[in-house]
Protein backbone atom coordinates (compact mmCIF):
# COMPACT_ATOMS: atom_id res chain seq x y z
CA MET A 1 -91.84 17.86 -73.18
CA GLN A 2 -94.64 20.35 -72.07
CA TYR A 3 -94.39 18.61 -68.58
CA GLY A 4 -90.47 19.09 -68.44
CA GLU A 5 -90.80 22.75 -69.63
CA GLN A 6 -93.57 23.62 -67.17
CA ALA A 7 -91.99 22.06 -64.07
CA ARG A 8 -88.29 22.58 -65.05
CA ASP A 9 -87.20 23.78 -61.76
CA ARG A 10 -88.99 21.10 -59.86
CA VAL A 11 -87.92 18.26 -61.97
CA ARG A 12 -84.22 19.51 -61.49
CA GLY A 13 -84.94 19.74 -57.80
CA SER A 14 -86.09 16.14 -57.80
CA VAL A 15 -82.93 15.01 -59.43
CA ASP A 16 -80.65 16.99 -57.02
CA SER A 17 -82.59 15.67 -53.97
CA TYR A 18 -82.25 12.13 -55.04
CA ARG A 19 -78.51 12.51 -55.61
CA ARG A 20 -78.32 12.64 -51.83
CA VAL A 21 -80.99 10.34 -51.09
CA PHE A 22 -79.48 7.49 -53.17
CA GLN A 23 -76.20 8.07 -51.60
CA HIS A 24 -77.50 7.83 -48.02
CA TYR A 25 -79.71 4.74 -48.62
CA ALA A 26 -77.72 2.74 -51.11
CA GLY A 27 -74.26 4.20 -50.96
CA TRP A 28 -74.30 4.89 -54.63
CA ASP A 29 -72.82 8.16 -56.37
CA TRP A 30 -74.92 9.69 -59.19
CA PRO A 31 -72.83 7.98 -61.98
CA LYS A 32 -73.56 4.56 -60.47
CA VAL A 33 -77.15 5.41 -59.90
CA ARG A 34 -77.47 6.42 -63.77
CA ARG A 35 -75.75 3.05 -64.71
CA GLU A 36 -78.07 1.07 -62.50
CA GLY A 37 -81.08 2.91 -63.91
CA ALA A 38 -80.12 2.29 -67.47
CA ARG A 39 -80.47 -1.43 -66.95
CA PHE A 40 -84.24 -0.79 -66.73
CA GLU A 41 -84.59 0.99 -70.10
CA ALA A 42 -84.91 -2.30 -72.18
CA PRO A 43 -87.58 -3.99 -70.11
CA VAL A 44 -89.56 -0.71 -70.03
CA ALA A 45 -89.15 -0.03 -73.77
CA GLU A 46 -90.45 -3.65 -74.37
CA PHE A 47 -93.45 -3.17 -72.15
CA ARG A 48 -94.50 0.40 -73.20
CA PRO A 49 -92.21 2.23 -75.81
CA GLY A 50 -94.29 5.33 -75.28
CA VAL A 51 -93.19 5.37 -71.59
CA VAL A 52 -89.65 5.63 -72.59
CA ALA A 53 -90.63 8.54 -75.11
CA GLU A 54 -92.49 10.17 -72.26
CA MET A 55 -89.47 10.22 -70.05
CA ARG A 56 -87.29 11.50 -72.97
CA GLY A 57 -89.68 14.26 -73.51
CA ILE A 58 -89.57 15.28 -69.68
CA ALA A 59 -85.82 15.25 -69.87
CA ASP A 60 -85.74 17.40 -73.03
CA GLY A 61 -88.22 19.93 -71.63
CA ALA A 62 -86.32 20.21 -68.48
CA GLY A 63 -82.91 20.48 -70.05
CA ILE A 64 -81.44 17.35 -68.48
CA ASP A 65 -80.25 13.96 -69.49
CA PHE A 66 -82.73 11.14 -70.06
CA LEU A 67 -80.74 8.93 -67.75
CA ASP A 68 -81.40 11.43 -64.86
CA VAL A 69 -85.15 11.07 -65.39
CA LEU A 70 -85.03 7.31 -65.77
CA ALA A 71 -82.99 7.16 -62.56
CA ILE A 72 -85.57 9.01 -60.39
CA ASN A 73 -88.30 6.83 -61.91
CA VAL A 74 -86.68 3.72 -60.44
CA ARG A 75 -85.96 5.31 -57.08
CA THR A 76 -88.39 2.76 -55.44
CA GLU A 77 -86.36 -0.20 -56.78
CA VAL A 78 -83.17 1.40 -55.55
CA MET A 79 -84.36 2.52 -52.15
CA PHE A 80 -86.38 -0.60 -51.11
CA ALA A 81 -83.85 -2.95 -52.37
CA ALA A 82 -81.37 -1.16 -49.99
CA LYS A 83 -83.95 -1.66 -47.13
CA ALA A 84 -84.26 -5.35 -47.98
CA ARG A 85 -80.42 -5.67 -47.82
CA GLN A 86 -80.35 -3.94 -44.52
CA ALA A 87 -82.99 -6.03 -42.76
CA GLY A 88 -80.76 -8.91 -41.71
CA ALA A 89 -77.86 -6.59 -40.46
CA LEU A 90 -80.05 -4.19 -38.53
CA MET A 91 -83.07 -6.28 -37.30
CA GLY A 92 -83.84 -5.60 -33.79
CA GLN A 93 -82.02 -2.23 -33.68
CA SER A 94 -83.97 0.90 -32.78
CA ARG A 95 -84.25 3.52 -35.37
CA ALA A 96 -86.54 6.39 -36.41
CA LEU A 97 -87.53 5.78 -40.10
CA MET A 98 -89.68 7.62 -42.60
CA GLY A 99 -93.43 6.81 -42.64
CA GLU A 100 -95.32 5.79 -45.63
CA CYS A 101 -98.84 5.94 -47.11
CA SER A 102 -102.27 5.27 -45.88
CA SER A 103 -104.97 4.54 -48.52
CA PHE A 104 -108.58 3.50 -48.88
CA ALA A 105 -111.63 3.06 -51.13
CA VAL A 106 -115.17 3.40 -50.21
CA LEU A 107 -118.07 1.90 -52.14
CA PRO A 108 -121.57 3.12 -51.60
CA PRO A 109 -124.20 0.84 -50.03
CA GLU A 110 -126.41 -0.72 -52.66
CA GLN A 111 -124.79 1.60 -55.30
CA ALA A 112 -126.51 4.57 -53.92
CA GLY A 113 -123.77 7.17 -53.78
CA PRO A 114 -120.33 7.98 -55.05
CA VAL A 115 -117.28 5.72 -55.26
CA LEU A 116 -114.57 7.45 -53.26
CA ILE A 117 -110.74 6.68 -53.06
CA GLY A 118 -107.87 8.49 -51.41
CA GLN A 119 -104.72 8.51 -49.40
CA ASN A 120 -102.20 10.40 -47.47
CA TRP A 121 -98.94 10.33 -49.33
CA ASP A 122 -96.05 10.31 -46.89
CA TRP A 123 -92.59 10.53 -48.07
CA LEU A 124 -89.30 12.27 -47.57
CA VAL A 125 -89.93 15.97 -46.73
CA HIS A 126 -87.78 17.28 -49.82
CA ALA A 127 -90.83 16.11 -51.97
CA ARG A 128 -92.87 19.03 -50.58
CA ASP A 129 -90.69 21.31 -52.78
CA THR A 130 -91.05 19.14 -55.87
CA VAL A 131 -94.66 17.90 -55.87
CA ILE A 132 -96.92 18.84 -58.71
CA VAL A 133 -100.46 18.18 -60.10
CA LEU A 134 -100.10 16.71 -63.61
CA ASP A 135 -103.12 17.13 -65.79
CA ALA A 136 -102.38 15.07 -69.03
CA TRP A 137 -104.18 14.66 -72.21
CA PRO A 138 -102.43 11.70 -73.95
CA ASP A 139 -103.19 10.98 -77.67
CA ASP A 140 -103.60 7.26 -77.07
CA GLY A 141 -105.33 7.05 -73.76
CA PRO A 142 -107.83 8.73 -71.34
CA ARG A 143 -107.15 12.21 -69.84
CA LEU A 144 -105.54 11.69 -66.51
CA MET A 145 -104.72 13.71 -63.41
CA THR A 146 -101.99 12.67 -60.89
CA VAL A 147 -100.26 14.10 -57.85
CA VAL A 148 -96.52 13.31 -58.27
CA GLU A 149 -92.96 14.28 -57.67
CA ALA A 150 -91.81 16.31 -60.66
CA GLY A 151 -89.99 14.22 -63.23
CA LEU A 152 -91.71 11.06 -62.18
CA LEU A 153 -94.25 9.42 -64.48
CA ALA A 154 -97.36 9.10 -62.07
CA LYS A 155 -98.47 8.45 -58.58
CA ALA A 156 -102.02 8.59 -57.15
CA GLY A 157 -104.65 9.88 -59.45
CA MET A 158 -107.75 9.28 -61.58
CA ASN A 159 -108.84 9.30 -65.24
CA GLU A 160 -111.76 10.38 -67.46
CA ALA A 161 -112.71 6.73 -67.82
CA GLY A 162 -113.67 6.74 -64.20
CA LEU A 163 -110.73 4.83 -62.88
CA GLY A 164 -108.87 5.81 -59.66
CA LEU A 165 -105.59 4.73 -58.27
CA VAL A 166 -103.91 5.07 -54.88
CA THR A 167 -100.93 3.14 -53.70
CA ASN A 168 -98.66 1.85 -50.98
CA ALA A 169 -94.94 0.99 -50.94
CA LEU A 170 -94.22 -2.60 -49.69
CA VAL A 171 -90.96 -4.29 -49.14
CA SER A 172 -90.13 -7.93 -49.00
CA ASP A 173 -86.87 -10.04 -49.22
CA ALA A 174 -87.48 -10.47 -52.91
CA ASP A 175 -86.81 -6.76 -53.43
CA GLN A 176 -83.42 -6.88 -54.76
CA GLY A 177 -83.61 -4.10 -57.50
CA GLU A 178 -83.21 -6.38 -60.39
CA PRO A 179 -84.22 -4.92 -63.83
CA GLY A 180 -88.03 -5.38 -64.78
CA LEU A 181 -91.05 -3.13 -64.77
CA PRO A 182 -90.52 -0.41 -62.23
CA TYR A 183 -93.22 0.81 -59.75
CA HIS A 184 -93.70 4.23 -61.24
CA VAL A 185 -93.97 2.95 -64.79
CA LEU A 186 -96.73 0.62 -63.67
CA LEU A 187 -98.62 3.45 -61.92
CA ARG A 188 -98.42 5.48 -65.20
CA ALA A 189 -99.70 2.39 -67.15
CA ILE A 190 -102.68 1.88 -64.75
CA LEU A 191 -103.80 5.43 -65.33
CA ASP A 192 -104.26 4.62 -68.99
CA CYS A 193 -106.68 1.85 -68.08
CA ALA A 194 -110.42 2.05 -68.36
CA THR A 195 -111.34 -0.72 -65.94
CA VAL A 196 -110.09 -2.58 -62.75
CA THR A 197 -109.64 -5.65 -64.97
CA ASP A 198 -107.49 -3.71 -67.34
CA ALA A 199 -105.31 -2.66 -64.32
CA LEU A 200 -104.77 -6.26 -63.39
CA ILE A 201 -103.83 -7.14 -66.97
CA VAL A 202 -101.21 -4.27 -66.91
CA LEU A 203 -99.71 -5.70 -63.53
CA GLN A 204 -99.20 -9.19 -65.03
CA SER A 205 -97.74 -8.02 -68.35
CA GLY A 206 -94.23 -8.64 -67.20
CA ARG A 207 -91.78 -9.23 -64.33
CA ARG A 208 -92.18 -6.53 -61.80
CA SER A 209 -89.14 -5.20 -60.05
CA SER A 210 -90.44 -4.05 -56.59
CA SER A 211 -93.18 -4.71 -54.06
CA ALA A 212 -96.13 -2.40 -53.76
CA ASN A 213 -99.97 -2.27 -53.32
CA TYR A 214 -101.97 -0.93 -56.18
CA LEU A 215 -105.37 -0.01 -54.83
CA VAL A 216 -107.78 0.53 -58.01
CA ALA A 217 -111.40 1.47 -58.05
CA HIS A 218 -113.90 2.52 -60.78
CA ALA A 219 -116.91 4.65 -60.75
CA SER A 220 -119.01 1.68 -61.76
CA GLY A 221 -118.57 0.25 -58.17
CA SER A 222 -115.70 -2.04 -58.52
CA ALA A 223 -112.50 -1.91 -56.32
CA LEU A 224 -109.57 -4.24 -55.73
CA GLY A 225 -106.24 -4.03 -54.09
CA PHE A 226 -103.39 -5.83 -55.88
CA GLU A 227 -100.51 -6.47 -53.48
CA ALA A 228 -97.44 -7.29 -55.68
CA ALA A 229 -94.16 -8.87 -54.81
CA PRO A 230 -91.26 -8.89 -57.47
CA GLY A 231 -92.00 -11.35 -60.18
CA ASP A 232 -94.75 -12.48 -62.55
CA PHE A 233 -98.56 -13.01 -62.24
CA THR A 234 -97.92 -15.67 -59.60
CA ARG A 235 -96.77 -13.02 -57.20
CA LEU A 236 -99.84 -10.80 -57.40
CA TYR A 237 -102.35 -11.02 -54.51
CA PRO A 238 -105.70 -9.44 -55.02
CA LEU A 239 -107.75 -8.01 -51.95
CA SER A 240 -111.38 -7.47 -51.94
CA PRO A 241 -113.41 -4.79 -50.05
CA SER A 242 -114.93 -5.89 -46.63
CA ASP A 243 -118.39 -4.30 -46.13
CA GLY A 244 -117.71 -1.78 -49.00
CA VAL A 245 -114.43 -0.60 -47.54
CA LEU A 246 -110.92 -1.53 -48.76
CA LEU A 247 -108.00 -0.22 -46.66
CA HIS A 248 -104.22 -0.48 -46.85
CA THR A 249 -101.02 0.77 -45.28
CA ASN A 250 -97.42 -0.66 -45.82
CA HIS A 251 -97.44 -4.31 -44.94
CA PHE A 252 -98.68 -7.34 -46.90
CA ARG A 253 -102.03 -8.60 -45.91
CA ALA A 254 -102.27 -11.63 -48.33
CA LEU A 255 -102.49 -14.89 -46.36
CA SER A 256 -100.35 -16.95 -48.70
CA LEU A 257 -97.33 -14.76 -49.57
CA HIS A 258 -94.37 -16.22 -51.62
CA ALA A 259 -91.89 -13.94 -49.91
CA THR A 260 -90.97 -12.71 -46.54
CA ASP A 261 -92.69 -9.32 -45.70
CA LEU A 262 -90.43 -6.79 -44.34
CA GLY A 263 -92.83 -3.88 -44.06
CA LEU A 264 -93.41 -4.27 -40.43
CA TRP A 265 -89.67 -3.94 -39.84
CA ALA A 266 -89.03 -1.24 -42.34
CA MET A 267 -92.17 0.78 -41.61
CA PRO A 268 -93.40 -0.05 -38.13
CA ASP A 269 -95.99 2.51 -38.06
CA THR A 270 -98.03 0.65 -40.64
CA ALA A 271 -99.84 -1.42 -38.11
CA VAL A 272 -101.28 1.50 -36.12
CA ARG A 273 -102.10 3.48 -39.25
CA LEU A 274 -104.15 0.39 -40.57
CA GLN A 275 -105.99 0.10 -37.07
CA ARG A 276 -106.90 3.91 -37.24
CA LEU A 277 -108.20 3.54 -40.73
CA GLN A 278 -110.35 0.59 -39.58
CA THR A 279 -111.76 2.87 -36.89
CA LEU A 280 -112.31 5.93 -38.83
CA VAL A 281 -113.43 4.78 -42.40
CA SER A 282 -116.68 2.86 -42.84
CA SER A 283 -119.25 2.08 -45.53
CA GLY A 284 -121.32 5.01 -46.54
CA ALA A 285 -118.58 7.64 -45.46
CA LYS A 286 -118.75 10.98 -47.34
CA ALA A 287 -115.87 12.74 -48.88
CA GLY A 288 -115.81 15.09 -45.90
CA ASP A 289 -115.61 12.44 -43.50
CA LEU A 290 -112.50 10.99 -45.43
CA ARG A 291 -110.82 14.22 -45.49
CA GLU A 292 -111.37 14.49 -41.70
CA ALA A 293 -109.87 10.88 -41.22
CA LEU A 294 -106.74 11.82 -43.02
CA THR A 295 -105.95 14.48 -40.41
CA ASP A 296 -105.78 11.88 -37.65
CA HIS A 297 -102.88 12.24 -35.08
CA ALA A 298 -103.13 9.03 -33.07
CA ASP A 299 -99.73 7.70 -32.39
CA ARG A 300 -98.09 11.05 -33.15
CA PRO A 301 -95.48 11.78 -34.76
CA TYR A 302 -96.37 8.65 -36.86
CA GLY A 303 -100.06 8.05 -37.45
CA ILE A 304 -102.07 8.71 -40.59
CA CYS A 305 -101.14 12.53 -40.65
CA ALA A 306 -97.47 12.15 -40.21
CA HIS A 307 -95.06 14.80 -39.05
CA GLY A 308 -91.75 12.90 -38.89
CA HIS A 309 -89.84 11.72 -35.82
CA PRO A 310 -87.63 14.50 -34.27
CA ASP A 311 -84.71 12.04 -33.79
CA ALA A 312 -84.61 10.80 -37.43
CA PRO A 313 -81.58 11.82 -39.62
CA GLN A 314 -82.42 14.63 -42.03
CA LEU A 315 -82.47 12.30 -44.99
CA GLU A 316 -84.92 9.87 -43.25
CA GLN A 317 -87.35 12.70 -42.03
CA GLY A 318 -90.67 11.73 -43.54
CA ALA A 319 -93.98 13.35 -43.28
CA THR A 320 -97.43 13.67 -45.13
CA ILE A 321 -96.48 15.43 -48.27
CA ALA A 322 -100.01 15.55 -49.86
CA SER A 323 -103.47 14.25 -48.96
CA LEU A 324 -106.12 13.51 -51.51
CA VAL A 325 -109.68 12.22 -51.80
CA MET A 326 -111.27 11.47 -55.17
CA ASP A 327 -114.96 11.15 -56.03
CA LEU A 328 -114.80 8.83 -59.10
CA THR A 329 -118.57 9.24 -59.79
CA ALA A 330 -118.47 12.97 -60.05
CA LYS A 331 -114.72 12.98 -61.36
CA GLN A 332 -113.64 15.36 -58.54
CA MET A 333 -110.36 15.46 -56.72
CA TRP A 334 -109.75 17.30 -53.36
CA LEU A 335 -106.16 18.03 -52.69
CA ALA A 336 -104.18 19.32 -49.61
CA SER A 337 -100.74 20.03 -50.63
CA GLY A 338 -99.25 19.39 -47.28
CA PRO A 339 -100.20 17.96 -44.04
CA PRO A 340 -104.10 18.07 -44.07
CA CYS A 341 -104.20 19.05 -40.40
CA THR A 342 -102.82 22.50 -41.34
CA THR A 343 -103.30 22.70 -45.15
CA PRO A 344 -106.77 23.31 -46.54
CA PHE A 345 -108.24 20.83 -49.14
CA GLU A 346 -108.82 22.39 -52.54
CA LEU A 347 -110.95 21.16 -55.33
CA MET A 348 -108.76 20.54 -58.37
CA PRO A 349 -110.44 21.61 -61.62
CA TRP A 350 -110.99 18.78 -64.09
């Protein structure tokens, strides 16, 4: 409720923005969005009743309906299912689509140094007006800090147990928007975890509704990426660091995928962004090196630091909304609340 009260204008701004976005991507008016979102309440309540209570509190604090908050927390399921449905009809047509995220974890050589994790969060430009830093002190879990659109449960962040989370949207032909555990609910649940293994247990606790990559690291020196397609534990694909570095953009990297990856079609800049991360991020990199890497403009207007394609329709204009680097060893977060090429990084107080 405190979250909803303190971020009231931005929560309402998120709802207003997604009214237009859902109409554009899925052709749904807001009553239909609410009806579709309501189908997710039962599986979420079965998984984590406290998450439903949390969304009700946000809604009450912001003075809006619970179904409005639930709807924006399933925005990934709605939008990426729409992308999957469009793939067959639009394959091969030229288009300028929004970019998505570039993420990394860097482990210190021989455990001599900090564990670092971070990403550029690229999304629709309306999110620049609704993004917040949420510093939460749950009664039944570790304190957490996450950078997120107002009204949503969580996105990238870290907690006082030393666990850090960054993430990438993925899309496959299995993304059909069927009710199950939504992406943002799972992100919130991971930030309640004390270890990377706990995060894996969360991800296989029920049927997931959408594809995503969950890159999780811990101050103790562990890091894994969990590529997930819709489904149960058999549709999880762990990725390990190579030479102390784990990188991800917006296509599956698993060798044996039980679905057809649509990431290269839906987000074609993903390939170049991964190549640039491989060039710029290496074992032993310092936090300052990583902040600099996130300003990279190769392949502009796409690239790691994204500025949106000038020919894209307004509702498909995407850009880097926020950039963050976290030192899990020192429990520090540096945040640029806009494109990091022009927005200074600030140290967030813990």
